[in-house]
Amino acid sequence: MIRITALIAALAFAAPALAQPTSDLTVTFETGADTGALMVALYDAAGYNGGQPVRAVRLDVAAGQRTASFAGLQAGEYGIRAFHDLNGDGEMNRNPFGMPTEPYAFSNNAVGNMGPAGWDRARFTVQGATAQTISIR
């Protein structure tokens, strides 16, 4: 019994040393308007094309917020999809043909071809302290 207790105690102290280091991502947005909000979603490869984001944040542009911070991420590849919600309704507004009527952007300032930018263009590596600037168009 004493050996099992000693083993459990040793593993408990070793666990923090075995933990994966985390990374922090800071994303600064350049916008063309000072109204509304930025809706930002951070994805991994599995979620980028229609899945759930790893994290999401709403930035109040009218209050001067233009920087999103994502702390404690596992190192790896990520992609960002963002749009500038000019009218504050929480949705990406579209015209009758399905084209966005509000500014949007992707990480790496990637541009899509007849649709959103693909993972291959938008992905970037997060390792340690990482920063990216995205222009909302």
C-alpha atoms as a PDB file:
ATOM      1  CA  MET A   1       0.000   0.000   0.000  1.00  0.00           C
ATOM      2  CA  ILE A   2       2.838   2.375   0.820  1.00  0.00           C
ATOM      3  CA  ARG A   3       4.456   1.732  -2.584  1.00  0.00           C
ATOM      4  CA  ILE A   4       1.234   2.586  -4.425  1.00  0.00           C
ATOM      5  CA  THR A   5       0.830   5.805  -2.428  1.00  0.00           C
ATOM      6  CA  ALA A   6       4.468   6.746  -3.139  1.00  0.00           C
ATOM      7  CA  LEU A   7       3.962   6.033  -6.855  1.00  0.00           C
ATOM      8  CA  ILE A   8       0.817   8.181  -6.998  1.00  0.00           C
ATOM      9  CA  ALA A   9       2.613  11.026  -5.213  1.00  0.00           C
ATOM     10  CA  ALA A  10       5.578  10.782  -7.596  1.00  0.00           C
ATOM     11  CA  LEU A  11       3.273  10.886 -10.630  1.00  0.00           C
ATOM     12  CA  ALA A  12       1.391  13.882  -9.231  1.00  0.00           C
ATOM     13  CA  PHE A  13       4.618  15.849  -8.902  1.00  0.00           C
ATOM     14  CA  ALA A  14       5.843  14.744 -12.359  1.00  0.00           C
ATOM     15  CA  ALA A  15       2.605  15.675 -14.174  1.00  0.00           C
ATOM     16  CA  PRO A  16       3.294  19.442 -14.350  1.00  0.00           C
ATOM     17  CA  ALA A  17       6.715  18.750 -15.819  1.00  0.00           C
ATOM     18  CA  LEU A  18       5.131  16.564 -18.524  1.00  0.00           C
ATOM     19  CA  ALA A  19       2.437  19.116 -19.433  1.00  0.00           C
ATOM     20  CA  GLN A  20       2.646  20.630 -22.914  1.00  0.00           C
ATOM     21  CA  PRO A  21       3.745  24.260 -22.951  1.00  0.00           C
ATOM     22  CA  THR A  22       1.035  26.600 -24.156  1.00  0.00           C
ATOM     23  CA  SER A  23       1.181  29.386 -26.694  1.00  0.00           C
ATOM     24  CA  ASP A  24      -0.450  32.801 -26.873  1.00  0.00           C
ATOM     25  CA  LEU A  25      -1.849  34.421 -30.011  1.00  0.00           C
ATOM     26  CA  THR A  26      -2.508  38.134 -30.447  1.00  0.00           C
ATOM     27  CA  VAL A  27      -4.424  39.269 -33.535  1.00  0.00           C
ATOM     28  CA  THR A  28      -4.731  42.938 -34.464  1.00  0.00           C
ATOM     29  CA  PHE A  29      -7.416  43.991 -36.931  1.00  0.00           C
ATOM     30  CA  GLU A  30      -7.281  46.930 -39.311  1.00  0.00           C
ATOM     31  CA  THR A  31     -10.819  48.119 -40.033  1.00  0.00           C
ATOM     32  CA  GLY A  32     -12.305  50.665 -42.396  1.00  0.00           C
ATOM     33  CA  ALA A  33     -15.087  51.765 -40.038  1.00  0.00           C
ATOM     34  CA  ASP A  34     -15.303  52.661 -36.353  1.00  0.00           C
ATOM     35  CA  THR A  35     -18.767  51.197 -35.742  1.00  0.00           C
ATOM     36  CA  GLY A  36     -20.193  47.804 -34.879  1.00  0.00           C
ATOM     37  CA  ALA A  37     -18.238  44.772 -33.734  1.00  0.00           C
ATOM     38  CA  LEU A  38     -15.695  42.304 -35.032  1.00  0.00           C
ATOM     39  CA  MET A  39     -16.741  38.678 -34.826  1.00  0.00           C
ATOM     40  CA  VAL A  40     -13.620  36.499 -34.708  1.00  0.00           C
ATOM     41  CA  ALA A  41     -13.403  32.709 -34.787  1.00  0.00           C
ATOM     42  CA  LEU A  42     -10.184  30.717 -34.334  1.00  0.00           C
ATOM     43  CA  TYR A  43     -10.144  27.235 -35.876  1.00  0.00           C
ATOM     44  CA  ASP A  44      -7.919  24.207 -36.030  1.00  0.00           C
ATOM     45  CA  ALA A  45      -7.724  22.096 -39.206  1.00  0.00           C
ATOM     46  CA  ALA A  46     -10.672  19.905 -38.186  1.00  0.00           C
ATOM     47  CA  GLY A  47     -13.079  22.816 -37.677  1.00  0.00           C
ATOM     48  CA  TYR A  48     -12.058  25.344 -40.309  1.00  0.00           C
ATOM     49  CA  ASN A  49     -14.397  24.120 -43.050  1.00  0.00           C
ATOM     50  CA  GLY A  50     -17.682  24.147 -41.183  1.00  0.00           C
ATOM     51  CA  GLY A  51     -16.896  22.803 -37.720  1.00  0.00           C
ATOM     52  CA  GLN A  52     -16.797  24.450 -34.342  1.00  0.00           C
ATOM     53  CA  PRO A  53     -14.131  27.058 -33.593  1.00  0.00           C
ATOM     54  CA  VAL A  54     -11.471  26.398 -30.973  1.00  0.00           C
ATOM     55  CA  ARG A  55     -12.248  29.855 -29.584  1.00  0.00           C
ATOM     56  CA  ALA A  56     -14.400  32.826 -30.571  1.00  0.00           C
ATOM     57  CA  VAL A  57     -14.480  36.452 -29.485  1.00  0.00           C
ATOM     58  CA  ARG A  58     -16.494  39.598 -30.144  1.00  0.00           C
ATOM     59  CA  LEU A  59     -14.593  42.884 -30.233  1.00  0.00           C
ATOM     60  CA  ASP A  60     -16.465  46.171 -29.749  1.00  0.00           C
ATOM     61  CA  VAL A  61     -14.990  48.318 -32.536  1.00  0.00           C
ATOM     62  CA  ALA A  62     -17.077  51.328 -31.496  1.00  0.00           C
ATOM     63  CA  ALA A  63     -15.309  51.196 -28.096  1.00  0.00           C
ATOM     64  CA  GLY A  64     -11.892  50.996 -29.754  1.00  0.00           C
ATOM     65  CA  GLN A  65     -11.280  47.242 -29.427  1.00  0.00           C
ATOM     66  CA  ARG A  66      -9.233  45.951 -32.345  1.00  0.00           C
ATOM     67  CA  THR A  67      -7.077  43.251 -30.742  1.00  0.00           C
ATOM     68  CA  ALA A  68      -8.071  39.682 -29.919  1.00  0.00           C
ATOM     69  CA  SER A  69      -5.959  37.631 -27.515  1.00  0.00           C
ATOM     70  CA  PHE A  70      -6.075  33.861 -27.277  1.00  0.00           C
ATOM     71  CA  ALA A  71      -4.014  32.556 -24.353  1.00  0.00           C
ATOM     72  CA  GLY A  72      -3.193  28.966 -23.462  1.00  0.00           C
ATOM     73  CA  LEU A  73      -3.350  27.464 -26.956  1.00  0.00           C
ATOM     74  CA  GLN A  74      -1.597  24.249 -27.824  1.00  0.00           C
ATOM     75  CA  ALA A  75       1.165  24.854 -30.357  1.00  0.00           C
ATOM     76  CA  GLY A  76       0.000  23.967 -33.856  1.00  0.00           C
ATOM     77  CA  GLU A  77      -1.723  25.241 -36.961  1.00  0.00           C
ATOM     78  CA  TYR A  78      -4.746  27.515 -36.769  1.00  0.00           C
ATOM     79  CA  GLY A  79      -6.879  29.626 -39.090  1.00  0.00           C
ATOM     80  CA  ILE A  80      -9.060  32.676 -38.458  1.00  0.00           C
ATOM     81  CA  ARG A  81     -12.361  33.721 -39.995  1.00  0.00           C
ATOM     82  CA  ALA A  82     -13.624  37.174 -39.054  1.00  0.00           C
ATOM     83  CA  PHE A  83     -16.235  39.667 -40.159  1.00  0.00           C
ATOM     84  CA  HIS A  84     -17.056  43.247 -39.258  1.00  0.00           C
ATOM     85  CA  ASP A  85     -20.643  43.302 -38.028  1.00  0.00           C
ATOM     86  CA  LEU A  86     -21.329  46.906 -39.013  1.00  0.00           C
ATOM     87  CA  ASN A  87     -24.978  46.958 -37.944  1.00  0.00           C
ATOM     88  CA  GLY A  88     -24.511  44.967 -34.720  1.00  0.00           C
ATOM     89  CA  ASP A  89     -27.042  42.228 -35.491  1.00  0.00           C
ATOM     90  CA  GLY A  90     -24.567  39.411 -34.747  1.00  0.00           C
ATOM     91  CA  GLU A  91     -24.798  37.947 -38.237  1.00  0.00           C
ATOM     92  CA  MET A  92     -22.845  38.144 -41.477  1.00  0.00           C
ATOM     93  CA  ASN A  93     -25.323  39.940 -43.709  1.00  0.00           C
ATOM     94  CA  ARG A  94     -25.605  38.819 -47.333  1.00  0.00           C
ATOM     95  CA  ASN A  95     -27.287  40.021 -50.503  1.00  0.00           C
ATOM     96  CA  PRO A  96     -29.982  37.953 -52.289  1.00  0.00           C
ATOM     97  CA  PHE A  97     -27.250  36.049 -54.156  1.00  0.00           C
ATOM     98  CA  GLY A  98     -25.516  34.990 -50.923  1.00  0.00           C
ATOM     99  CA  MET A  99     -22.573  37.369 -51.240  1.00  0.00           C
ATOM    100  CA  PRO A 100     -21.434  39.046 -47.987  1.00  0.00           C
ATOM    101  CA  THR A 101     -22.426  42.687 -47.627  1.00  0.00           C
ATOM    102  CA  GLU A 102     -20.276  43.272 -44.545  1.00  0.00           C
ATOM    103  CA  PRO A 103     -16.449  43.323 -44.538  1.00  0.00           C
ATOM    104  CA  TYR A 104     -14.703  40.027 -43.784  1.00  0.00           C
ATOM    105  CA  ALA A 105     -11.202  38.583 -43.652  1.00  0.00           C
ATOM    106  CA  PHE A 106      -9.134  35.478 -43.054  1.00  0.00           C
ATOM    107  CA  SER A 107      -5.810  34.872 -41.353  1.00  0.00           C
ATOM    108  CA  ASN A 108      -2.733  35.635 -43.450  1.00  0.00           C
ATOM    109  CA  ASN A 109      -5.034  38.117 -45.243  1.00  0.00           C
ATOM    110  CA  ALA A 110      -5.838  35.133 -47.452  1.00  0.00           C
ATOM    111  CA  VAL A 111      -8.311  35.600 -50.280  1.00  0.00           C
ATOM    112  CA  GLY A 112     -10.730  32.956 -51.476  1.00  0.00           C
ATOM    113  CA  ASN A 113     -11.635  32.105 -55.033  1.00  0.00           C
ATOM    114  CA  MET A 114     -15.437  32.168 -55.437  1.00  0.00           C
ATOM    115  CA  GLY A 115     -15.850  31.544 -51.701  1.00  0.00           C
ATOM    116  CA  PRO A 116     -13.980  31.680 -48.415  1.00  0.00           C
ATOM    117  CA  ALA A 117     -10.200  31.331 -48.307  1.00  0.00           C
ATOM    118  CA  GLY A 118      -9.212  27.694 -47.980  1.00  0.00           C
ATOM    119  CA  TRP A 119      -7.315  26.177 -45.072  1.00  0.00           C
ATOM    120  CA  ASP A 120      -4.156  25.923 -47.187  1.00  0.00           C
ATOM    121  CA  ARG A 121      -4.077  29.734 -47.578  1.00  0.00           C
ATOM    122  CA  ALA A 122      -5.378  30.760 -44.149  1.00  0.00           C
ATOM    123  CA  ARG A 123      -3.445  28.410 -41.863  1.00  0.00           C
ATOM    124  CA  PHE A 124      -0.569  29.671 -39.776  1.00  0.00           C
ATOM    125  CA  THR A 125       1.580  28.249 -37.016  1.00  0.00           C
ATOM    126  CA  VAL A 126       1.138  29.259 -33.399  1.00  0.00           C
ATOM    127  CA  GLN A 127       4.127  28.495 -31.215  1.00  0.00           C
ATOM    128  CA  GLY A 128       5.085  30.548 -28.191  1.00  0.00           C
ATOM    129  CA  ALA A 129       4.045  34.196 -28.435  1.00  0.00           C
ATOM    130  CA  THR A 130       2.568  34.650 -31.927  1.00  0.00           C
ATOM    131  CA  ALA A 131       1.111  37.782 -33.499  1.00  0.00           C
ATOM    132  CA  GLN A 132      -0.811  38.441 -36.682  1.00  0.00           C
ATOM    133  CA  THR A 133      -2.372  41.538 -38.277  1.00  0.00           C
ATOM    134  CA  ILE A 134      -5.476  41.118 -40.430  1.00  0.00           C
ATOM    135  CA  SER A 135      -7.069  43.745 -42.672  1.00  0.00           C
ATOM    136  CA  ILE A 136     -10.872  43.578 -42.765  1.00  0.00           C
ATOM    137  CA  ARG A 137     -12.094  44.384 -46.311  1.00  0.00           C
END
